[in-house]
Protein backbone atom coordinates (compact mmCIF):
# COMPACT_ATOMS: atom_id res chain seq x y z
CA UNK A 1 66.47 46.00 103.88
CA UNK A 2 68.13 49.15 104.77
CA UNK A 3 69.75 50.17 108.18
CA UNK A 4 68.87 54.60 108.96
CA UNK A 5 71.17 55.06 111.25
CA UNK A 6 69.09 57.12 114.37
CA UNK A 7 70.53 60.48 116.32
CA UNK A 8 68.86 62.28 119.06
CA UNK A 9 66.99 64.63 116.32
CA UNK A 10 65.71 62.00 113.74
CA UNK A 11 63.47 59.39 113.79
CA UNK A 12 63.49 57.66 110.50
CA UNK A 13 61.19 55.20 109.13
CA UNK A 14 63.03 51.98 106.89
CA UNK A 15 60.93 49.77 104.85
CA UNK A 16 59.62 47.16 106.88
CA UNK A 17 58.83 49.43 109.67
CA UNK A 18 55.69 51.32 109.83
CA UNK A 19 55.78 53.55 112.75
CA UNK A 20 52.52 55.12 113.10
CA UNK A 21 51.52 58.19 115.69
CA UNK A 22 53.74 60.58 117.50
CA UNK A 23 57.73 60.42 119.23
CA UNK A 24 57.88 63.55 121.51
CA UNK A 25 60.84 62.01 124.43
CA UNK A 26 60.25 63.70 127.22
CA UNK A 27 63.70 65.59 128.56
CA UNK A 28 65.21 64.16 131.74
CA UNK A 29 66.93 65.54 134.76
CA UNK A 30 67.77 69.08 134.67
CA UNK A 31 70.94 70.67 136.58
CA UNK A 32 69.51 74.04 138.63
CA UNK A 33 72.26 74.31 141.68
CA UNK A 34 74.85 73.33 143.78
CA UNK A 35 74.91 73.87 147.42
CA UNK A 36 78.20 73.27 148.94
CA UNK A 37 78.74 72.77 152.82
CA UNK A 38 80.90 73.67 155.33
CA UNK A 39 79.70 74.21 158.92
CA UNK A 40 76.24 74.56 157.46
CA UNK A 41 73.08 74.90 159.74
CA UNK A 42 70.89 73.21 157.01
CA UNK A 43 70.16 73.09 152.74
CA UNK A 44 67.15 74.88 151.84
CA UNK A 45 65.52 75.40 148.49
CA UNK A 46 62.15 77.66 148.47
CA UNK A 47 60.86 77.88 144.83
CA UNK A 48 59.83 74.80 143.50
CA UNK A 49 57.20 75.24 141.09
CA UNK A 50 54.18 72.92 139.89
CA UNK A 51 54.59 70.85 136.68
CA UNK A 52 58.36 69.80 137.85
CA UNK A 53 59.31 66.64 139.83
CA UNK A 54 62.60 67.81 141.66
CA UNK A 55 65.59 65.72 142.69
CA UNK A 56 68.62 66.57 145.00
CA UNK A 57 71.38 64.20 144.85
CA UNK A 58 73.88 64.23 147.89
CA UNK A 59 77.35 63.10 148.36
CA UNK A 60 80.57 63.99 150.54
CA UNK A 61 77.89 63.87 153.57
CA UNK A 62 79.77 64.47 156.81
CA UNK A 63 78.48 65.87 160.33
CA UNK A 64 80.33 68.12 162.72
CA UNK A 65 79.26 65.74 165.32
CA UNK A 66 79.07 62.10 165.79
CA UNK A 67 75.98 60.58 165.94
CA UNK A 68 73.59 62.49 163.12
CA UNK A 69 71.31 62.23 160.46
CA UNK A 70 69.38 64.06 157.92
CA UNK A 71 66.23 64.98 158.09
CA UNK A 72 64.00 66.32 155.39
CA UNK A 73 60.92 68.44 155.37
CA UNK A 74 58.55 70.14 152.82
CA UNK A 75 56.98 73.35 153.32
CA UNK A 76 54.79 75.96 151.64
CA UNK A 77 54.96 79.49 151.12
CA UNK A 78 57.00 81.90 153.52
CA UNK A 79 58.28 79.38 153.80
CA UNK A 80 56.67 77.55 156.97
CA UNK A 81 57.71 73.77 157.21
CA UNK A 82 55.94 70.92 158.06
CA UNK A 83 57.14 68.64 160.95
CA UNK A 84 54.35 66.30 161.36
CA UNK A 85 51.33 64.75 158.67
CA UNK A 86 54.63 62.52 157.46
CA UNK A 87 53.82 58.56 156.48
CA UNK A 88 57.18 57.67 155.36
CA UNK A 89 58.72 54.52 155.64
CA UNK A 90 62.65 52.98 155.35
CA UNK A 91 64.34 49.72 154.90
CA UNK A 92 68.01 49.16 155.52
CA UNK A 93 71.01 46.58 155.39
CA UNK A 94 74.52 46.84 157.27
CA UNK A 95 77.71 44.94 155.92
CA UNK A 96 77.00 42.75 158.73
CA UNK A 97 73.61 41.36 156.96
CA UNK A 98 71.48 42.77 160.04
CA UNK A 99 68.21 44.26 157.90
CA UNK A 100 65.79 46.49 159.77
CA UNK A 101 63.04 49.27 158.98
CA UNK A 102 60.77 52.32 160.13
CA UNK A 103 57.71 54.14 159.93
CA UNK A 104 58.34 58.36 160.60
CA UNK A 105 55.64 60.76 160.53
CA UNK A 106 57.81 63.96 161.80
CA UNK A 107 59.98 64.50 158.34
CA UNK A 108 60.68 62.34 155.38
CA UNK A 109 64.08 60.36 156.66
CA UNK A 110 66.74 59.24 153.91
CA UNK A 111 69.10 58.24 156.37
CA UNK A 112 67.07 55.64 158.66
CA UNK A 113 67.99 55.80 162.45
CA UNK A 114 71.98 54.38 161.13
CA UNK A 115 73.66 58.00 162.50
CA UNK A 116 76.41 58.84 160.68
CA UNK A 117 80.12 59.51 161.53
CA UNK A 118 81.96 63.12 161.46
CA UNK A 119 84.85 61.27 160.49
CA UNK A 120 84.69 57.42 159.35
CA UNK A 121 83.28 57.63 156.39
CA UNK A 122 81.22 59.79 153.56
CA UNK A 123 77.00 58.98 153.58
CA UNK A 124 75.20 59.58 150.09
CA UNK A 125 71.55 59.71 148.76
CA UNK A 126 69.55 60.49 146.02
CA UNK A 127 66.18 62.18 147.21
CA UNK A 128 62.97 62.68 145.12
CA UNK A 129 59.51 64.20 145.23
CA UNK A 130 56.97 64.39 142.61
CA UNK A 131 55.33 67.46 141.75
CA UNK A 132 55.76 68.93 145.41
CA UNK A 133 53.84 72.48 144.50
CA UNK A 134 50.64 70.51 142.99
CA UNK A 135 48.17 72.12 145.89
CA UNK A 136 45.73 69.44 144.73
CA UNK A 137 48.00 66.20 145.35
CA UNK A 138 49.75 64.63 148.42
CA UNK A 139 53.44 65.40 148.60
CA UNK A 140 55.58 61.75 147.69
CA UNK A 141 59.05 60.86 147.77
CA UNK A 142 61.37 58.18 147.13
CA UNK A 143 64.81 58.43 148.56
CA UNK A 144 68.16 55.83 148.04
CA UNK A 145 71.51 55.77 149.93
CA UNK A 146 73.94 54.71 151.78
CA UNK A 147 75.31 55.83 155.04
CA UNK A 148 78.29 54.52 157.13
CA UNK A 149 77.80 55.49 161.28
CA UNK A 150 80.09 55.59 164.01
CA UNK A 151 81.64 52.40 163.89
CA UNK A 152 82.63 52.12 160.28
CA UNK A 153 79.01 50.12 159.54
CA UNK A 154 78.09 50.74 155.76
CA UNK A 155 74.33 51.06 155.39
CA UNK A 156 72.07 50.65 152.36
CA UNK A 157 68.99 52.84 153.14
CA UNK A 158 65.73 53.31 150.54
CA UNK A 159 62.45 54.13 151.60
CA UNK A 160 59.80 56.77 150.54
CA UNK A 161 56.25 57.61 151.29
CA UNK A 162 54.33 61.15 151.11
CA UNK A 163 52.89 64.37 152.86
CA UNK A 164 49.76 63.52 153.39
CA UNK A 165 47.79 66.96 152.72
CA UNK A 166 47.01 68.28 150.13
CA UNK A 167 48.59 71.82 149.48
CA UNK A 168 51.25 73.43 147.54
CA UNK A 169 54.77 72.20 148.99
CA UNK A 170 57.31 74.93 147.34
CA UNK A 171 59.96 74.56 150.04
CA UNK A 172 62.04 71.12 150.79
CA UNK A 173 64.89 71.60 154.00
CA UNK A 174 67.92 68.51 155.14
CA UNK A 175 69.43 69.13 158.30
CA UNK A 176 70.98 67.49 161.09
CA UNK A 177 69.20 65.95 164.37
CA UNK A 178 71.99 68.97 166.15
CA UNK A 179 75.27 69.96 165.08
CA UNK A 180 75.82 70.87 161.81
CA UNK A 181 76.69 69.53 158.00
CA UNK A 182 80.42 69.58 158.22
CA UNK A 183 80.96 68.70 154.22
CA UNK A 184 78.57 67.84 152.00
CA UNK A 185 77.83 68.69 148.28
CA UNK A 186 73.48 69.03 147.39
CA UNK A 187 72.55 68.89 143.54
CA UNK A 188 69.57 69.97 142.54
CA UNK A 189 67.94 68.87 139.62
CA UNK A 190 63.84 69.53 138.43
CA UNK A 191 62.18 67.41 135.48
CA UNK A 192 58.86 68.41 133.72
CA UNK A 193 56.39 65.57 134.79
CA UNK A 194 54.10 66.52 131.59
């Protein structure tokens, strides 16, 4: 038996292994841009194209005032953001072992109902949209993260859902309930989905 070293560029057959067919690895997430917040009203992206999934990794998130949470809205060209027609759900468990969930129809809600502190600790989450600019399908999202409320309680939050109308959602906006985003990094990634 021989041993063949495999690297990212080569896939060899070795005796005893009869590989048939083709091998074409799908590329992973590609970095697009970073938005650094400093008393920022919202973070918006307006140039999504079909054939791609998009992911936003949010870190170091703090708000200008206590008791805020960030929501996410999709939008069509213009942009015109959608404020109804969502069917999203999230679930959270806090550091004391309490749990809960909710359904939201006005936005995607990656931070549940756990209002975030302006100073007790940064929150973070990963937000993924699946081919939002495809006009023939509804727009699906998934999110996962941790928020820290004004009492320094940590909440593990995950959820997802859809915007229920099939249309080309080429825009996405993250915004707090009121006030601004004091600090935060919003890193946008994309990947081909076909």
